[in-house]
Amino acid sequence: MDLSFWADFTKVFHIVAVISWMAGLLYLPRLYVYHAGTKRSSELSETLKVMEYRLLRYIMNPAMIVSWVAGLLTGYLQGFLSEPWFHAKLLLVVFLTVAHMMLAKYRREFAEDRSERTDKFFRIINEVPTVLMIIIVVLVIFKPF
């Protein structure tokens, strides 16, 4: 098998992982919107805690790791590592990773019944990954620099 096969193969892994990661980055803050409006230690609150934990632990964390590994490998195999648009994309993916870490912090706060943030806060936070995703896709498609 030639190099182009492996480049395409890693690209497939990257795209699937990014879709999974983005789904989590968009859904977890939505769960927080609902969680912020519940009474602490209520049945709904406890259910949301389990959902949030499983989403982060079993879907988002592995998807983020595979996105990074497959993305960097794809960039290497396709010769993008020295491209300025790729550097900009990497910076935005770092911002997505920071957003991921912040969502993990908020999950811990909910798990410990010490979250003081409002549903409005989480509605706003929910837009951050969307904006970053749009910019990243534009960079990848148009390679403007």
Protein backbone atom coordinates (compact mmCIF):
# COMPACT_ATOMS: atom_id res chain seq x y z
CA MET A 1 0.00 0.00 0.00
CA ASP A 2 1.32 3.39 -0.94
CA LEU A 3 1.54 6.55 1.15
CA SER A 4 -1.64 8.07 -0.30
CA PHE A 5 -3.66 5.14 1.08
CA TRP A 6 -2.37 5.82 4.61
CA ALA A 7 -2.94 9.56 4.21
CA ASP A 8 -6.55 8.91 3.20
CA PHE A 9 -6.97 6.32 5.98
CA THR A 10 -5.78 8.75 8.68
CA LYS A 11 -7.99 11.46 7.18
CA VAL A 12 -11.02 9.18 7.59
CA PHE A 13 -10.13 8.57 11.25
CA HIS A 14 -9.61 12.29 11.74
CA ILE A 15 -12.97 13.27 10.22
CA VAL A 16 -14.92 10.65 12.20
CA ALA A 17 -13.17 11.63 15.44
CA VAL A 18 -13.79 15.35 14.82
CA ILE A 19 -17.49 14.70 14.17
CA SER A 20 -17.72 12.77 17.45
CA TRP A 21 -15.77 15.39 19.38
CA MET A 22 -17.82 18.26 17.97
CA ALA A 23 -21.07 16.44 18.77
CA GLY A 24 -19.94 16.29 22.38
CA LEU A 25 -18.71 19.89 22.43
CA LEU A 26 -22.12 20.99 21.19
CA TYR A 27 -24.24 18.65 23.33
CA LEU A 28 -22.49 18.87 26.72
CA PRO A 29 -23.17 22.61 27.20
CA ARG A 30 -26.82 21.92 26.27
CA LEU A 31 -26.96 19.38 29.10
CA TYR A 32 -25.49 22.05 31.38
CA VAL A 33 -28.28 24.44 30.34
CA TYR A 34 -30.80 21.91 31.62
CA HIS A 35 -28.70 21.01 34.66
CA ALA A 36 -28.35 24.65 35.73
CA GLY A 37 -32.13 24.83 36.00
CA THR A 38 -32.53 21.77 38.24
CA LYS A 39 -32.63 21.45 42.00
CA ARG A 40 -29.40 20.06 43.45
CA SER A 41 -29.46 16.35 44.28
CA SER A 42 -32.82 15.95 42.57
CA GLU A 43 -33.45 12.83 40.47
CA LEU A 44 -33.02 14.85 37.27
CA SER A 45 -29.79 16.39 38.53
CA GLU A 46 -28.38 12.96 39.34
CA THR A 47 -29.40 11.63 35.91
CA LEU A 48 -27.73 14.59 34.19
CA LYS A 49 -24.55 13.98 36.19
CA VAL A 50 -24.34 10.44 34.82
CA MET A 51 -25.06 11.58 31.26
CA GLU A 52 -22.46 14.36 31.46
CA TYR A 53 -19.82 12.03 32.89
CA ARG A 54 -20.35 9.33 30.28
CA LEU A 55 -20.43 11.80 27.38
CA LEU A 56 -17.17 13.39 28.48
CA ARG A 57 -15.36 10.23 29.55
CA TYR A 58 -16.41 7.73 26.90
CA ILE A 59 -17.05 9.87 23.82
CA MET A 60 -15.48 13.30 24.02
CA ASN A 61 -12.10 12.47 25.60
CA PRO A 62 -11.26 9.59 23.21
CA ALA A 63 -12.58 11.57 20.22
CA MET A 64 -10.40 14.56 21.15
CA ILE A 65 -7.31 12.36 21.44
CA VAL A 66 -7.96 10.61 18.11
CA SER A 67 -8.70 14.00 16.48
CA TRP A 68 -5.32 15.32 17.57
CA VAL A 69 -3.32 12.21 16.67
CA ALA A 70 -5.02 11.53 13.34
CA GLY A 71 -5.05 15.24 12.46
CA LEU A 72 -1.33 15.69 13.06
CA LEU A 73 -0.56 12.45 11.24
CA THR A 74 -2.73 13.51 8.30
CA GLY A 75 -1.00 16.88 8.26
CA TYR A 76 2.37 15.17 8.21
CA LEU A 77 1.44 12.62 5.53
CA GLN A 78 -0.08 15.28 3.29
CA GLY A 79 2.74 17.78 3.80
CA PHE A 80 0.67 20.44 5.59
CA LEU A 81 2.84 20.89 8.69
CA SER A 82 4.68 23.89 7.25
CA GLU A 83 1.58 25.59 5.82
CA PRO A 84 0.45 28.83 7.54
CA TRP A 85 -3.24 27.91 7.28
CA PHE A 86 -2.43 24.63 9.08
CA HIS A 87 -0.73 26.55 11.89
CA ALA A 88 -3.82 28.75 12.23
CA LYS A 89 -6.00 25.64 12.29
CA LEU A 90 -3.83 24.10 15.02
CA LEU A 91 -4.16 27.25 17.11
CA LEU A 92 -7.94 27.11 16.80
CA VAL A 93 -7.89 23.41 17.72
CA VAL A 94 -5.90 24.38 20.83
CA PHE A 95 -8.78 26.78 21.63
CA LEU A 96 -11.26 23.91 21.12
CA THR A 97 -9.17 21.82 23.51
CA VAL A 98 -9.26 24.60 26.10
CA ALA A 99 -13.05 24.76 25.67
CA HIS A 100 -13.13 20.99 26.21
CA MET A 101 -11.13 21.37 29.42
CA MET A 102 -13.41 24.13 30.65
CA LEU A 103 -16.45 21.93 30.01
CA ALA A 104 -14.74 19.18 32.03
CA LYS A 105 -14.23 21.67 34.87
CA TYR A 106 -17.92 22.64 34.77
CA ARG A 107 -18.86 18.95 34.85
CA ARG A 108 -16.86 18.49 38.05
CA GLU A 109 -18.63 21.49 39.57
CA PHE A 110 -22.03 19.97 38.75
CA ALA A 111 -20.90 16.55 40.05
CA GLU A 112 -19.96 18.17 43.36
CA ASP A 113 -23.19 20.24 43.49
CA ARG A 114 -21.23 23.48 43.53
CA SER A 115 -22.03 25.01 40.16
CA GLU A 116 -23.24 28.60 40.44
CA ARG A 117 -23.43 29.36 36.72
CA THR A 118 -26.76 30.10 35.06
CA ASP A 119 -28.42 28.47 32.08
CA LYS A 120 -27.80 31.72 30.17
CA PHE A 121 -24.04 31.35 30.74
CA PHE A 122 -24.13 27.84 29.26
CA ARG A 123 -26.23 28.99 26.30
CA ILE A 124 -23.48 31.48 25.46
CA ILE A 125 -20.70 28.94 26.06
CA ASN A 126 -22.51 26.59 23.68
CA GLU A 127 -21.69 28.96 20.79
CA VAL A 128 -17.91 28.93 21.25
CA PRO A 129 -17.24 25.51 19.67
CA THR A 130 -19.61 26.37 16.81
CA VAL A 131 -17.72 29.54 15.92
CA LEU A 132 -14.35 27.81 16.16
CA MET A 133 -15.59 24.91 14.02
CA ILE A 134 -16.80 27.26 11.28
CA ILE A 135 -13.47 29.09 11.14
CA ILE A 136 -11.54 25.79 11.10
CA VAL A 137 -13.62 24.41 8.24
CA VAL A 138 -13.13 27.62 6.24
CA LEU A 139 -9.35 27.37 6.77
CA VAL A 140 -9.23 23.73 5.67
CA ILE A 141 -11.40 24.21 2.59
CA PHE A 142 -10.02 27.52 1.30
CA LYS A 143 -6.44 27.41 2.67
CA PRO A 144 -6.37 31.24 2.50
CA PHE A 145 -2.68 31.62 3.34
